[in-house]
Amino acid sequence: MDEAHSGVPIGENKFISKAAVLSHLKTYNLYYEGQNLQLRHREEEGELIFEGLLNIFWGLRRPIRLQMQDDHERIRPPPSSTSWHSGCNLDSQGVSQEARQVPQQSPPTVEVTPPDSHPEGNGVMEEQSEEDSETSAQLLRTKSDAGVLRRGQRRSPSDQRKIRRHRVSINGHFYNHKTAVFTPAYGSVTNVRINSCMTTPQVLRVLLNKFKIENSPDDFAIYLVHASGERVKLKRSDYPLPLRVMQGPCEQVCKVFLMEEDLGEEVTYDVAQYIKFEMPVLQSFITKLKEEEDREVQKLQRKYTYLRCMIEKQLGCLPEGPTCR
């Protein structure tokens, strides 16, 4: 109980002393001095809390799907008197109000002049009437967000930059109708701002929300991948940021990877130390292990054969009574 109050949690019923965490945290910040990956720490009611950016590497094999548009957010093009956007409000409330007001609007008043004084007057009237009818027809389509996305190519570069500010790219990849489903490059890096109190599912949700990914957080898992080949899957009750700090700051030694829940595979340290050897070397290891196994089997066989003989000898002496030697 005292350890729980004085230590920093790294998992379910797992704690590390505050002094050890502060020591690793100091080394971590010295390594990233002058960079935005440094972590800030504070104490609240005796509990050590630190926060900052955590680098996460993409290790996905299957494609992910980006959201068509942000949650509770609609793209609002600037109003224009000559555009089909005129009078549009893409919020549901605005659309209903506009729809109620459209039938009540009076038709535009056009002054008709004799052809001999203004020959082009009829052309102006027809052009304005066609434009008004087109605008009225387009207003009925503003309830569909797909219509906005289809006409997104006509926006000016400044409007496109404003829209992109609402989304974070994955290595320069923004949402696009044709590339909404894609697989991030393996080993490419991103980062998320988290704190030491966030568990694995919470970190996954932050990462998916940052890039507006539709996939469920339950489809993914976080792994600690070491340079030796060791791969440790973080449990749902683990705290990724403290665990990352305890591994040391150098990403050449340990990295945090995002992988699929069902495709990722843990690799123990004992197995990892053999992974990087060539196949002939591994075959020789297998041969040596097989020979050692055979020797151990023969040794056990001799042992139990001897014990069986001793037991059978004793059993054979029982009928003869005390004269048996």
C-alpha atoms as a PDB file:
ATOM      1  CA  MET A   1       0.000   0.000   0.000  1.00  0.00           C
ATOM      2  CA  ASP A   2       2.842   2.398   0.803  1.00  0.00           C
ATOM      3  CA  GLU A   3       4.463   1.601  -2.535  1.00  0.00           C
ATOM      4  CA  ALA A   4       1.224   2.467  -4.333  1.00  0.00           C
ATOM      5  CA  HIS A   5       1.163   5.905  -2.722  1.00  0.00           C
ATOM      6  CA  SER A   6       4.876   6.683  -3.179  1.00  0.00           C
ATOM      7  CA  GLY A   7       5.432   4.987  -6.564  1.00  0.00           C
ATOM      8  CA  VAL A   8       4.425   5.679 -10.151  1.00  0.00           C
ATOM      9  CA  PRO A   9       1.984   3.157 -11.690  1.00  0.00           C
ATOM     10  CA  ILE A  10       3.137   1.395 -14.871  1.00  0.00           C
ATOM     11  CA  GLY A  11       0.465  -1.314 -14.966  1.00  0.00           C
ATOM     12  CA  GLU A  12      -2.150  -3.115 -12.943  1.00  0.00           C
ATOM     13  CA  ASN A  13      -0.743  -3.447  -9.412  1.00  0.00           C
ATOM     14  CA  LYS A  14       2.718  -2.530 -10.753  1.00  0.00           C
ATOM     15  CA  PHE A  15       4.615   0.480  -9.443  1.00  0.00           C
ATOM     16  CA  ILE A  16       8.078   1.997  -9.766  1.00  0.00           C
ATOM     17  CA  SER A  17       9.621   4.192  -7.123  1.00  0.00           C
ATOM     18  CA  LYS A  18       9.343   7.920  -7.680  1.00  0.00           C
ATOM     19  CA  ALA A  19      13.118   8.370  -7.328  1.00  0.00           C
ATOM     20  CA  ALA A  20      13.808   5.861 -10.119  1.00  0.00           C
ATOM     21  CA  VAL A  21      11.300   7.518 -12.442  1.00  0.00           C
ATOM     22  CA  LEU A  22      12.717  10.989 -11.768  1.00  0.00           C
ATOM     23  CA  SER A  23      16.217   9.707 -12.518  1.00  0.00           C
ATOM     24  CA  HIS A  24      15.139   8.218 -15.845  1.00  0.00           C
ATOM     25  CA  LEU A  25      13.080  11.320 -16.594  1.00  0.00           C
ATOM     26  CA  LYS A  26      16.134  13.538 -16.091  1.00  0.00           C
ATOM     27  CA  THR A  27      18.166  11.391 -18.483  1.00  0.00           C
ATOM     28  CA  TYR A  28      15.285  11.422 -20.963  1.00  0.00           C
ATOM     29  CA  ASN A  29      15.056  15.220 -20.988  1.00  0.00           C
ATOM     30  CA  LEU A  30      18.821  15.657 -21.252  1.00  0.00           C
ATOM     31  CA  TYR A  31      18.832  13.422 -24.313  1.00  0.00           C
ATOM     32  CA  TYR A  32      16.106  15.516 -25.985  1.00  0.00           C
ATOM     33  CA  GLU A  33      17.412  18.879 -24.801  1.00  0.00           C
ATOM     34  CA  GLY A  34      16.305  21.641 -27.142  1.00  0.00           C
ATOM     35  CA  GLN A  35      13.664  19.440 -28.786  1.00  0.00           C
ATOM     36  CA  ASN A  36       9.907  19.302 -28.363  1.00  0.00           C
ATOM     37  CA  LEU A  37      10.081  15.727 -27.018  1.00  0.00           C
ATOM     38  CA  GLN A  38      11.084  16.836 -23.539  1.00  0.00           C
ATOM     39  CA  LEU A  39       8.614  15.919 -20.805  1.00  0.00           C
ATOM     40  CA  ARG A  40       7.308  18.225 -18.082  1.00  0.00           C
ATOM     41  CA  HIS A  41       6.515  16.866 -14.646  1.00  0.00           C
ATOM     42  CA  ARG A  42       4.668  18.069 -11.569  1.00  0.00           C
ATOM     43  CA  GLU A  43       3.235  16.663  -8.372  1.00  0.00           C
ATOM     44  CA  GLU A  44      -0.440  16.727  -7.430  1.00  0.00           C
ATOM     45  CA  GLU A  45      -1.352  15.539  -3.943  1.00  0.00           C
ATOM     46  CA  GLY A  46       1.897  13.642  -3.721  1.00  0.00           C
ATOM     47  CA  GLU A  47       1.426  11.906  -7.105  1.00  0.00           C
ATOM     48  CA  LEU A  48       4.075  12.397  -9.786  1.00  0.00           C
ATOM     49  CA  ILE A  49       2.574  13.290 -13.167  1.00  0.00           C
ATOM     50  CA  PHE A  50       4.532  14.002 -16.339  1.00  0.00           C
ATOM     51  CA  GLU A  51       3.356  14.767 -19.841  1.00  0.00           C
ATOM     52  CA  GLY A  52       4.595  15.588 -23.324  1.00  0.00           C
ATOM     53  CA  LEU A  53       4.934  14.245 -26.848  1.00  0.00           C
ATOM     54  CA  LEU A  54       5.472  10.531 -27.411  1.00  0.00           C
ATOM     55  CA  ASN A  55       6.825   9.235 -30.710  1.00  0.00           C
ATOM     56  CA  ILE A  56       4.815   6.313 -32.107  1.00  0.00           C
ATOM     57  CA  PHE A  57       5.904   4.391 -35.193  1.00  0.00           C
ATOM     58  CA  TRP A  58       3.435   2.952 -37.694  1.00  0.00           C
ATOM     59  CA  GLY A  59       3.638  -0.828 -37.961  1.00  0.00           C
ATOM     60  CA  LEU A  60       0.335  -1.619 -39.674  1.00  0.00           C
ATOM     61  CA  ARG A  61      -0.104  -4.269 -42.352  1.00  0.00           C
ATOM     62  CA  ARG A  62      -3.741  -3.572 -43.169  1.00  0.00           C
ATOM     63  CA  PRO A  63      -5.129  -0.262 -44.461  1.00  0.00           C
ATOM     64  CA  ILE A  64      -6.923   2.217 -42.231  1.00  0.00           C
ATOM     65  CA  ARG A  65      -9.938   4.364 -43.100  1.00  0.00           C
ATOM     66  CA  LEU A  66     -10.076   8.121 -42.562  1.00  0.00           C
ATOM     67  CA  GLN A  67     -13.310   9.849 -41.641  1.00  0.00           C
ATOM     68  CA  MET A  68     -15.179  11.606 -44.437  1.00  0.00           C
ATOM     69  CA  GLN A  69     -15.421  14.750 -42.295  1.00  0.00           C
ATOM     70  CA  ASP A  70     -14.693  15.894 -38.760  1.00  0.00           C
ATOM     71  CA  ASP A  71     -17.079  15.114 -35.919  1.00  0.00           C
ATOM     72  CA  HIS A  72     -19.556  17.921 -35.174  1.00  0.00           C
ATOM     73  CA  GLU A  73     -17.915  20.053 -37.822  1.00  0.00           C
ATOM     74  CA  ARG A  74     -19.027  21.129 -41.273  1.00  0.00           C
ATOM     75  CA  ILE A  75     -17.135  22.907 -43.994  1.00  0.00           C
ATOM     76  CA  ARG A  76     -18.678  26.342 -44.473  1.00  0.00           C
ATOM     77  CA  PRO A  77     -17.703  27.967 -47.780  1.00  0.00           C
ATOM     78  CA  PRO A  78     -17.758  31.783 -47.892  1.00  0.00           C
ATOM     79  CA  PRO A  79     -21.118  33.197 -49.104  1.00  0.00           C
ATOM     80  CA  SER A  80     -21.292  34.544 -52.609  1.00  0.00           C
ATOM     81  CA  SER A  81     -24.189  36.204 -54.421  1.00  0.00           C
ATOM     82  CA  THR A  82     -23.294  34.466 -57.695  1.00  0.00           C
ATOM     83  CA  SER A  83     -22.494  31.051 -56.235  1.00  0.00           C
ATOM     84  CA  TRP A  84     -24.688  28.104 -55.362  1.00  0.00           C
ATOM     85  CA  HIS A  85     -23.411  28.528 -51.764  1.00  0.00           C
ATOM     86  CA  SER A  86     -25.468  31.715 -51.439  1.00  0.00           C
ATOM     87  CA  GLY A  87     -27.692  31.586 -48.374  1.00  0.00           C
ATOM     88  CA  CYS A  88     -26.552  28.069 -47.455  1.00  0.00           C
ATOM     89  CA  ASN A  89     -25.961  26.938 -43.917  1.00  0.00           C
ATOM     90  CA  LEU A  90     -24.772  23.343 -43.648  1.00  0.00           C
ATOM     91  CA  ASP A  91     -25.920  22.933 -40.055  1.00  0.00           C
ATOM     92  CA  SER A  92     -29.186  21.064 -39.815  1.00  0.00           C
ATOM     93  CA  GLN A  93     -30.885  23.914 -37.986  1.00  0.00           C
ATOM     94  CA  GLY A  94     -29.743  26.458 -40.554  1.00  0.00           C
ATOM     95  CA  VAL A  95     -30.883  24.306 -43.426  1.00  0.00           C
ATOM     96  CA  SER A  96     -34.371  23.884 -41.968  1.00  0.00           C
ATOM     97  CA  GLN A  97     -34.719  27.626 -41.393  1.00  0.00           C
ATOM     98  CA  GLU A  98     -33.510  28.420 -44.899  1.00  0.00           C
ATOM     99  CA  ALA A  99     -35.857  25.844 -46.367  1.00  0.00           C
ATOM    100  CA  ARG A 100     -38.780  27.472 -44.576  1.00  0.00           C
ATOM    101  CA  GLN A 101     -37.778  30.905 -45.819  1.00  0.00           C
ATOM    102  CA  VAL A 102     -37.241  30.004 -49.478  1.00  0.00           C
ATOM    103  CA  PRO A 103     -40.921  29.512 -50.386  1.00  0.00           C
ATOM    104  CA  GLN A 104     -41.806  32.836 -48.773  1.00  0.00           C
ATOM    105  CA  GLN A 105     -39.345  34.902 -50.826  1.00  0.00           C
ATOM    106  CA  SER A 106     -40.904  37.071 -53.460  1.00  0.00           C
ATOM    107  CA  PRO A 107     -39.676  36.661 -57.018  1.00  0.00           C
ATOM    108  CA  PRO A 108     -37.170  39.254 -58.189  1.00  0.00           C
ATOM    109  CA  THR A 109     -38.642  42.355 -59.775  1.00  0.00           C
ATOM    110  CA  VAL A 110     -37.400  42.931 -63.267  1.00  0.00           C
ATOM    111  CA  GLU A 111     -38.263  46.055 -65.188  1.00  0.00           C
ATOM    112  CA  VAL A 112     -39.014  45.256 -68.798  1.00  0.00           C
ATOM    113  CA  THR A 113     -38.200  47.977 -71.336  1.00  0.00           C
ATOM    114  CA  PRO A 114     -39.148  48.156 -74.973  1.00  0.00           C
ATOM    115  CA  PRO A 115     -36.747  46.437 -77.351  1.00  0.00           C
ATOM    116  CA  ASP A 116     -36.045  49.618 -79.355  1.00  0.00           C
ATOM    117  CA  SER A 117     -34.640  51.537 -76.333  1.00  0.00           C
ATOM    118  CA  HIS A 118     -32.673  48.701 -74.655  1.00  0.00           C
ATOM    119  CA  PRO A 119     -32.252  45.725 -76.932  1.00  0.00           C
ATOM    120  CA  GLU A 120     -30.222  43.756 -74.418  1.00  0.00           C
ATOM    121  CA  GLY A 121     -32.791  44.062 -71.625  1.00  0.00           C
ATOM    122  CA  ASN A 122     -34.492  40.738 -72.321  1.00  0.00           C
ATOM    123  CA  GLY A 123     -31.157  38.963 -72.219  1.00  0.00           C
ATOM    124  CA  VAL A 124     -30.440  40.393 -68.766  1.00  0.00           C
ATOM    125  CA  MET A 125     -33.833  39.313 -67.508  1.00  0.00           C
ATOM    126  CA  GLU A 126     -33.422  35.768 -68.831  1.00  0.00           C
ATOM    127  CA  GLU A 127     -29.911  35.485 -67.402  1.00  0.00           C
ATOM    128  CA  GLN A 128     -31.024  36.628 -63.949  1.00  0.00           C
ATOM    129  CA  SER A 129     -34.040  34.327 -64.010  1.00  0.00           C
ATOM    130  CA  GLU A 130     -31.909  31.324 -64.959  1.00  0.00           C
ATOM    131  CA  GLU A 131     -29.404  32.171 -62.234  1.00  0.00           C
ATOM    132  CA  ASP A 132     -32.150  32.506 -59.593  1.00  0.00           C
ATOM    133  CA  SER A 133     -33.778  29.228 -60.642  1.00  0.00           C
ATOM    134  CA  GLU A 134     -30.404  27.478 -60.507  1.00  0.00           C
ATOM    135  CA  THR A 135     -29.734  28.868 -57.021  1.00  0.00           C
ATOM    136  CA  SER A 136     -33.144  27.742 -55.794  1.00  0.00           C
ATOM    137  CA  ALA A 137     -32.628  24.289 -57.196  1.00  0.00           C
ATOM    138  CA  GLN A 138     -29.223  23.960 -55.560  1.00  0.00           C
ATOM    139  CA  LEU A 139     -30.553  24.947 -52.143  1.00  0.00           C
ATOM    140  CA  LEU A 140     -32.396  21.651 -51.933  1.00  0.00           C
ATOM    141  CA  ARG A 141     -29.075  19.801 -52.180  1.00  0.00           C
ATOM    142  CA  THR A 142     -27.362  21.492 -49.255  1.00  0.00           C
ATOM    143  CA  LYS A 143     -28.655  18.844 -46.846  1.00  0.00           C
ATOM    144  CA  SER A 144     -26.173  16.386 -48.346  1.00  0.00           C
ATOM    145  CA  ASP A 145     -22.565  16.738 -47.194  1.00  0.00           C
ATOM    146  CA  ALA A 146     -21.453  14.712 -50.190  1.00  0.00           C
ATOM    147  CA  GLY A 147     -22.412  17.597 -52.441  1.00  0.00           C
ATOM    148  CA  VAL A 148     -19.994  19.863 -50.615  1.00  0.00           C
ATOM    149  CA  LEU A 149     -17.195  17.354 -50.941  1.00  0.00           C
ATOM    150  CA  ARG A 150     -17.790  16.846 -54.658  1.00  0.00           C
ATOM    151  CA  ARG A 151     -17.480  20.566 -55.302  1.00  0.00           C
ATOM    152  CA  GLY A 152     -14.456  20.938 -53.025  1.00  0.00           C
ATOM    153  CA  GLN A 153     -12.129  21.116 -56.031  1.00  0.00           C
ATOM    154  CA  ARG A 154     -13.478  24.551 -56.936  1.00  0.00           C
ATOM    155  CA  ARG A 155     -12.292  26.170 -53.691  1.00  0.00           C
ATOM    156  CA  SER A 156      -9.481  28.657 -53.820  1.00  0.00           C
ATOM    157  CA  PRO A 157      -6.054  27.651 -52.473  1.00  0.00           C
ATOM    158  CA  SER A 158      -6.558  29.841 -49.400  1.00  0.00           C
ATOM    159  CA  ASP A 159      -9.843  28.066 -48.569  1.00  0.00           C
ATOM    160  CA  GLN A 160      -8.201  24.682 -48.985  1.00  0.00           C
ATOM    161  CA  ARG A 161      -5.427  25.677 -46.578  1.00  0.00           C
ATOM    162  CA  LYS A 162      -8.016  26.749 -43.995  1.00  0.00           C
ATOM    163  CA  ILE A 163      -9.781  23.391 -44.285  1.00  0.00           C
ATOM    164  CA  ARG A 164      -6.537  21.465 -43.949  1.00  0.00           C
ATOM    165  CA  ARG A 165      -5.765  23.202 -40.672  1.00  0.00           C
ATOM    166  CA  HIS A 166      -8.607  21.206 -39.114  1.00  0.00           C
ATOM    167  CA  ARG A 167      -6.926  17.911 -40.009  1.00  0.00           C
ATOM    168  CA  VAL A 168      -3.528  16.469 -39.228  1.00  0.00           C
ATOM    169  CA  SER A 169      -1.745  14.742 -42.085  1.00  0.00           C
ATOM    170  CA  ILE A 170      -0.106  11.323 -41.834  1.00  0.00           C
ATOM    171  CA  ASN A 171       3.309  12.006 -43.344  1.00  0.00           C
ATOM    172  CA  GLY A 172       1.772  14.601 -45.637  1.00  0.00           C
ATOM    173  CA  HIS A 173      -1.288  12.500 -46.482  1.00  0.00           C
ATOM    174  CA  PHE A 174      -4.575  14.382 -46.116  1.00  0.00           C
ATOM    175  CA  TYR A 175      -8.053  13.002 -46.590  1.00  0.00           C
ATOM    176  CA  ASN A 176      -8.961  12.404 -50.186  1.00  0.00           C
ATOM    177  CA  HIS A 177     -11.921  10.553 -51.710  1.00  0.00           C
ATOM    178  CA  LYS A 178      -9.622   8.256 -53.665  1.00  0.00           C
ATOM    179  CA  THR A 179      -7.121   7.658 -50.842  1.00  0.00           C
ATOM    180  CA  ALA A 180      -9.405   7.629 -47.799  1.00  0.00           C
ATOM    181  CA  VAL A 181      -8.354   4.004 -47.275  1.00  0.00           C
ATOM    182  CA  PHE A 182      -4.588   3.540 -47.193  1.00  0.00           C
ATOM    183  CA  THR A 183      -1.758   1.977 -45.195  1.00  0.00           C
ATOM    184  CA  PRO A 184       0.796   4.302 -43.536  1.00  0.00           C
ATOM    185  CA  ALA A 185       4.393   3.587 -44.488  1.00  0.00           C
ATOM    186  CA  TYR A 186       5.884   0.985 -42.152  1.00  0.00           C
ATOM    187  CA  GLY A 187       8.355   2.546 -39.734  1.00  0.00           C
ATOM    188  CA  SER A 188       7.200   6.129 -40.331  1.00  0.00           C
ATOM    189  CA  VAL A 189       6.798   8.129 -37.134  1.00  0.00           C
ATOM    190  CA  THR A 190       4.149  10.380 -35.635  1.00  0.00           C
ATOM    191  CA  ASN A 191       3.620  11.717 -32.128  1.00  0.00           C
ATOM    192  CA  VAL A 192       0.800  12.386 -29.687  1.00  0.00           C
ATOM    193  CA  ARG A 193       0.604  14.490 -26.535  1.00  0.00           C
ATOM    194  CA  ILE A 194      -0.215  12.291 -23.551  1.00  0.00           C
ATOM    195  CA  ASN A 195       0.498  12.078 -19.826  1.00  0.00           C
ATOM    196  CA  SER A 196       1.651   9.402 -17.409  1.00  0.00           C
ATOM    197  CA  CYS A 197      -1.890   8.738 -16.163  1.00  0.00           C
ATOM    198  CA  MET A 198      -3.211   7.544 -19.535  1.00  0.00           C
ATOM    199  CA  THR A 199      -3.631   3.828 -20.145  1.00  0.00           C
ATOM    200  CA  THR A 200      -3.111   2.004 -23.441  1.00  0.00           C
ATOM    201  CA  PRO A 201      -6.734   2.364 -24.710  1.00  0.00           C
ATOM    202  CA  GLN A 202      -6.690   6.086 -23.899  1.00  0.00           C
ATOM    203  CA  VAL A 203      -3.467   6.610 -25.859  1.00  0.00           C
ATOM    204  CA  LEU A 204      -4.945   4.692 -28.800  1.00  0.00           C
ATOM    205  CA  ARG A 205      -8.039   6.906 -28.796  1.00  0.00           C
ATOM    206  CA  VAL A 206      -5.915  10.058 -28.752  1.00  0.00           C
ATOM    207  CA  LEU A 207      -3.895   8.816 -31.718  1.00  0.00           C
ATOM    208  CA  LEU A 208      -6.937   7.814 -33.771  1.00  0.00           C
ATOM    209  CA  ASN A 209      -8.772  11.054 -33.002  1.00  0.00           C
ATOM    210  CA  LYS A 210      -5.750  13.091 -34.031  1.00  0.00           C
ATOM    211  CA  PHE A 211      -5.847  11.702 -37.556  1.00  0.00           C
ATOM    212  CA  LYS A 212      -9.656  11.228 -37.713  1.00  0.00           C
ATOM    213  CA  ILE A 213      -9.355   7.460 -38.218  1.00  0.00           C
ATOM    214  CA  GLU A 214     -12.654   5.567 -38.276  1.00  0.00           C
ATOM    215  CA  ASN A 215     -11.239   2.238 -37.066  1.00  0.00           C
ATOM    216  CA  SER A 216     -11.992   1.172 -33.501  1.00  0.00           C
ATOM    217  CA  PRO A 217      -9.214   1.429 -30.876  1.00  0.00           C
ATOM    218  CA  ASP A 218      -9.889  -2.248 -30.092  1.00  0.00           C
ATOM    219  CA  ASP A 219      -8.437  -3.136 -33.507  1.00  0.00           C
ATOM    220  CA  PHE A 220      -4.955  -1.936 -32.515  1.00  0.00           C
ATOM    221  CA  ALA A 221      -2.286  -2.589 -29.916  1.00  0.00           C
ATOM    222  CA  ILE A 222       0.869  -0.831 -28.747  1.00  0.00           C
ATOM    223  CA  TYR A 223       4.185  -2.682 -28.712  1.00  0.00           C
ATOM    224  CA  LEU A 224       7.604  -1.921 -27.284  1.00  0.00           C
ATOM    225  CA  VAL A 225      10.043  -3.087 -29.975  1.00  0.00           C
ATOM    226  CA  HIS A 226      13.712  -3.407 -28.975  1.00  0.00           C
ATOM    227  CA  ALA A 227      16.736  -3.367 -31.254  1.00  0.00           C
ATOM    228  CA  SER A 228      17.456  -6.949 -30.188  1.00  0.00           C
ATOM    229  CA  GLY A 229      14.177  -8.047 -31.796  1.00  0.00           C
ATOM    230  CA  GLU A 230      12.318  -8.397 -28.523  1.00  0.00           C
ATOM    231  CA  ARG A 231       8.699  -7.316 -28.862  1.00  0.00           C
ATOM    232  CA  VAL A 232       6.474  -6.701 -25.846  1.00  0.00           C
ATOM    233  CA  LYS A 233       2.754  -6.037 -26.186  1.00  0.00           C
ATOM    234  CA  LEU A 234       1.373  -3.507 -23.726  1.00  0.00           C
ATOM    235  CA  LYS A 235      -1.662  -4.649 -21.799  1.00  0.00           C
ATOM    236  CA  ARG A 236      -4.854  -2.605 -21.632  1.00  0.00           C
ATOM    237  CA  SER A 237      -4.047  -1.703 -18.036  1.00  0.00           C
ATOM    238  CA  ASP A 238      -0.475  -0.543 -18.800  1.00  0.00           C
ATOM    239  CA  TYR A 239       0.694   3.088 -18.893  1.00  0.00           C
ATOM    240  CA  PRO A 240       2.693   3.633 -22.110  1.00  0.00           C
ATOM    241  CA  LEU A 241       4.492   6.884 -21.223  1.00  0.00           C
ATOM    242  CA  PRO A 242       6.115   5.702 -17.944  1.00  0.00           C
ATOM    243  CA  LEU A 243       7.058   2.402 -19.589  1.00  0.00           C
ATOM    244  CA  ARG A 244       8.668   4.264 -22.496  1.00  0.00           C
ATOM    245  CA  VAL A 245      10.655   6.508 -20.161  1.00  0.00           C
ATOM    246  CA  MET A 246      11.946   3.504 -18.221  1.00  0.00           C
ATOM    247  CA  GLN A 247      13.324   2.003 -21.458  1.00  0.00           C
ATOM    248  CA  GLY A 248      15.661   4.969 -21.977  1.00  0.00           C
ATOM    249  CA  PRO A 249      15.410   7.842 -24.455  1.00  0.00           C
ATOM    250  CA  CYS A 250      17.311   6.391 -27.426  1.00  0.00           C
ATOM    251  CA  GLU A 251      14.970   5.148 -30.134  1.00  0.00           C
ATOM    252  CA  GLN A 252      17.765   3.054 -31.607  1.00  0.00           C
ATOM    253  CA  VAL A 253      17.324   0.829 -28.556  1.00  0.00           C
ATOM    254  CA  CYS A 254      13.558   0.843 -28.108  1.00  0.00           C
ATOM    255  CA  LYS A 255      10.616   2.182 -30.100  1.00  0.00           C
ATOM    256  CA  VAL A 256       6.869   2.352 -29.569  1.00  0.00           C
ATOM    257  CA  PHE A 257       4.945   0.753 -32.449  1.00  0.00           C
ATOM    258  CA  LEU A 258       1.272   0.761 -33.375  1.00  0.00           C
ATOM    259  CA  MET A 259       0.216  -2.639 -34.753  1.00  0.00           C
ATOM    260  CA  GLU A 260      -2.936  -4.634 -35.355  1.00  0.00           C
ATOM    261  CA  GLU A 261      -4.383  -6.428 -32.368  1.00  0.00           C
ATOM    262  CA  ASP A 262      -4.619  -9.764 -34.161  1.00  0.00           C
ATOM    263  CA  LEU A 263      -1.524  -9.552 -36.387  1.00  0.00           C
ATOM    264  CA  GLY A 264       1.038  -8.416 -33.833  1.00  0.00           C
ATOM    265  CA  GLU A 265       3.145 -11.102 -32.172  1.00  0.00           C
ATOM    266  CA  GLU A 266       5.181 -10.956 -28.999  1.00  0.00           C
ATOM    267  CA  VAL A 267       8.808 -12.067 -29.138  1.00  0.00           C
ATOM    268  CA  THR A 268      10.551 -12.953 -25.892  1.00  0.00           C
ATOM    269  CA  TYR A 269      14.145 -12.013 -25.160  1.00  0.00           C
ATOM    270  CA  ASP A 270      15.302 -15.634 -25.334  1.00  0.00           C
ATOM    271  CA  VAL A 271      13.915 -15.963 -28.863  1.00  0.00           C
ATOM    272  CA  ALA A 272      14.975 -12.482 -29.951  1.00  0.00           C
ATOM    273  CA  GLN A 273      18.679 -13.147 -29.387  1.00  0.00           C
ATOM    274  CA  TYR A 274      18.617 -15.745 -32.195  1.00  0.00           C
ATOM    275  CA  ILE A 275      16.527 -13.831 -34.745  1.00  0.00           C
ATOM    276  CA  LYS A 276      19.330 -11.880 -36.425  1.00  0.00           C
ATOM    277  CA  PHE A 277      21.521 -14.917 -37.142  1.00  0.00           C
ATOM    278  CA  GLU A 278      21.789 -16.385 -40.637  1.00  0.00           C
ATOM    279  CA  MET A 279      19.930 -19.585 -41.461  1.00  0.00           C
ATOM    280  CA  PRO A 280      23.045 -21.836 -41.508  1.00  0.00           C
ATOM    281  CA  VAL A 281      23.967 -20.582 -38.056  1.00  0.00           C
ATOM    282  CA  LEU A 282      20.443 -21.200 -36.797  1.00  0.00           C
ATOM    283  CA  GLN A 283      20.518 -24.702 -38.280  1.00  0.00           C
ATOM    284  CA  SER A 284      23.739 -25.441 -36.403  1.00  0.00           C
ATOM    285  CA  PHE A 285      22.106 -24.188 -33.199  1.00  0.00           C
ATOM    286  CA  ILE A 286      19.187 -26.541 -33.782  1.00  0.00           C
ATOM    287  CA  THR A 287      21.565 -29.444 -34.364  1.00  0.00           C
ATOM    288  CA  LYS A 288      23.448 -28.719 -31.144  1.00  0.00           C
ATOM    289  CA  LEU A 289      20.225 -28.415 -29.177  1.00  0.00           C
ATOM    290  CA  LYS A 290      18.997 -31.692 -30.641  1.00  0.00           C
ATOM    291  CA  GLU A 291      22.222 -33.461 -29.618  1.00  0.00           C
ATOM    292  CA  GLU A 292      21.966 -32.000 -26.121  1.00  0.00           C
ATOM    293  CA  GLU A 293      18.349 -33.115 -25.912  1.00  0.00           C
ATOM    294  CA  ASP A 294      19.281 -36.665 -26.961  1.00  0.00           C
ATOM    295  CA  ARG A 295      21.998 -36.824 -24.300  1.00  0.00           C
ATOM    296  CA  GLU A 296      19.570 -35.698 -21.629  1.00  0.00           C
ATOM    297  CA  VAL A 297      16.989 -38.248 -22.779  1.00  0.00           C
ATOM    298  CA  GLN A 298      19.556 -41.076 -22.656  1.00  0.00           C
ATOM    299  CA  LYS A 299      20.683 -39.955 -19.226  1.00  0.00           C
ATOM    300  CA  LEU A 300      17.122 -40.054 -17.902  1.00  0.00           C
ATOM    301  CA  GLN A 301      16.498 -43.442 -19.533  1.00  0.00           C
ATOM    302  CA  ARG A 302      19.560 -44.950 -17.828  1.00  0.00           C
ATOM    303  CA  LYS A 303      18.513 -43.481 -14.494  1.00  0.00           C
ATOM    304  CA  TYR A 304      14.987 -44.860 -14.589  1.00  0.00           C
ATOM    305  CA  THR A 305      16.140 -48.197 -16.028  1.00  0.00           C
ATOM    306  CA  TYR A 306      18.418 -48.617 -13.024  1.00  0.00           C
ATOM    307  CA  LEU A 307      15.606 -47.678 -10.616  1.00  0.00           C
ATOM    308  CA  ARG A 308      13.258 -50.140 -12.299  1.00  0.00           C
ATOM    309  CA  CYS A 309      15.807 -52.947 -11.947  1.00  0.00           C
ATOM    310  CA  MET A 310      16.285 -52.191  -8.248  1.00  0.00           C
ATOM    311  CA  ILE A 311      12.531 -52.223  -7.621  1.00  0.00           C
ATOM    312  CA  GLU A 312      12.081 -55.494  -9.531  1.00  0.00           C
ATOM    313  CA  LYS A 313      14.931 -57.069  -7.563  1.00  0.00           C
ATOM    314  CA  GLN A 314      13.346 -56.069  -4.282  1.00  0.00           C
ATOM    315  CA  LEU A 315       9.995 -57.388  -5.390  1.00  0.00           C
ATOM    316  CA  GLY A 316      11.609 -60.706  -6.317  1.00  0.00           C
ATOM    317  CA  CYS A 317      13.041 -61.098  -2.829  1.00  0.00           C
ATOM    318  CA  LEU A 318       9.727 -60.697  -0.995  1.00  0.00           C
ATOM    319  CA  PRO A 319       8.456 -64.370  -1.238  1.00  0.00           C
ATOM    320  CA  GLU A 320      11.710 -65.800   0.158  1.00  0.00           C
ATOM    321  CA  GLY A 321      11.261 -63.930   3.416  1.00  0.00           C
ATOM    322  CA  PRO A 322      14.158 -62.896   5.668  1.00  0.00           C
ATOM    323  CA  THR A 323      16.621 -65.279   4.000  1.00  0.00           C
ATOM    324  CA  CYS A 324      16.682 -63.169   0.852  1.00  0.00           C
ATOM    325  CA  ARG A 325      19.875 -61.315   0.332  1.00  0.00           C
END
